[in-house]
Amino acid sequence: MERKTKKLERKKETTAEADRTAKRKIEREEERLKATNRDMSMFKMKSMLAIGFAFT
């Protein structure tokens, strides 16, 4: 996840003056990363909740 974020940041820096299609691709990749991060956070929260119930 961190690697992909860093890669996206590098891409943003190199394509600062890029055409519209490149910017759209970057925006789509950002949205995918946000969704993945949200899903991972939700999974982690559910796991912690399940562990909490199991050990109390």
Protein backbone atom coordinates (compact mmCIF):
# COMPACT_ATOMS: atom_id res chain seq x y z
CA MET A 1 0.00 0.00 0.00
CA GLU A 2 2.75 2.44 0.95
CA ARG A 3 4.71 1.51 -2.15
CA LYS A 4 1.75 2.27 -4.38
CA THR A 5 1.19 5.59 -2.63
CA LYS A 6 4.82 6.59 -3.12
CA LYS A 7 4.67 5.51 -6.75
CA LEU A 8 1.57 7.64 -7.29
CA GLU A 9 3.24 10.65 -5.67
CA ARG A 10 6.26 10.26 -7.96
CA LYS A 11 3.93 10.00 -10.94
CA LYS A 12 2.18 13.21 -9.89
CA GLU A 13 5.48 15.06 -9.64
CA THR A 14 6.72 13.91 -13.03
CA THR A 15 3.43 14.59 -14.81
CA ALA A 16 2.72 18.00 -13.30
CA GLU A 17 2.14 19.51 -16.74
CA ALA A 18 0.75 16.36 -18.32
CA ASP A 19 -2.19 16.02 -20.63
CA ARG A 20 -5.73 15.38 -19.44
CA THR A 21 -5.68 11.62 -19.94
CA ALA A 22 -2.62 11.20 -17.72
CA LYS A 23 -4.25 13.33 -15.03
CA ARG A 24 -7.42 11.25 -15.27
CA LYS A 25 -5.42 8.05 -14.86
CA ILE A 26 -3.71 9.49 -11.79
CA GLU A 27 -7.07 10.53 -10.31
CA ARG A 28 -8.50 7.07 -10.92
CA GLU A 29 -5.49 5.47 -9.26
CA GLU A 30 -5.94 7.81 -6.28
CA GLU A 31 -9.58 6.76 -5.97
CA ARG A 32 -8.59 3.09 -6.10
CA LEU A 33 -6.01 3.62 -3.37
CA LYS A 34 -8.53 5.46 -1.21
CA ALA A 35 -11.06 2.66 -1.62
CA THR A 36 -8.46 0.00 -0.84
CA ASN A 37 -7.30 1.91 2.22
CA ARG A 38 -10.91 2.28 3.41
CA ASP A 39 -11.55 -1.44 2.92
CA MET A 40 -8.38 -2.38 4.80
CA SER A 41 -9.28 -0.07 7.68
CA MET A 42 -12.77 -1.57 7.89
CA PHE A 43 -11.35 -5.10 7.87
CA LYS A 44 -8.87 -4.19 10.61
CA MET A 45 -11.63 -2.64 12.73
CA LYS A 46 -13.85 -5.71 12.33
CA SER A 47 -10.94 -8.00 13.20
CA MET A 48 -10.14 -6.03 16.35
CA LEU A 49 -13.81 -6.08 17.34
CA ALA A 50 -13.99 -9.86 16.85
CA ILE A 51 -10.81 -10.38 18.87
CA GLY A 52 -12.20 -8.14 21.60
CA PHE A 53 -15.38 -10.18 21.83
CA ALA A 54 -13.51 -13.48 21.70
CA PHE A 55 -11.17 -12.68 24.57
CA THR A 56 -13.58 -10.93 26.94
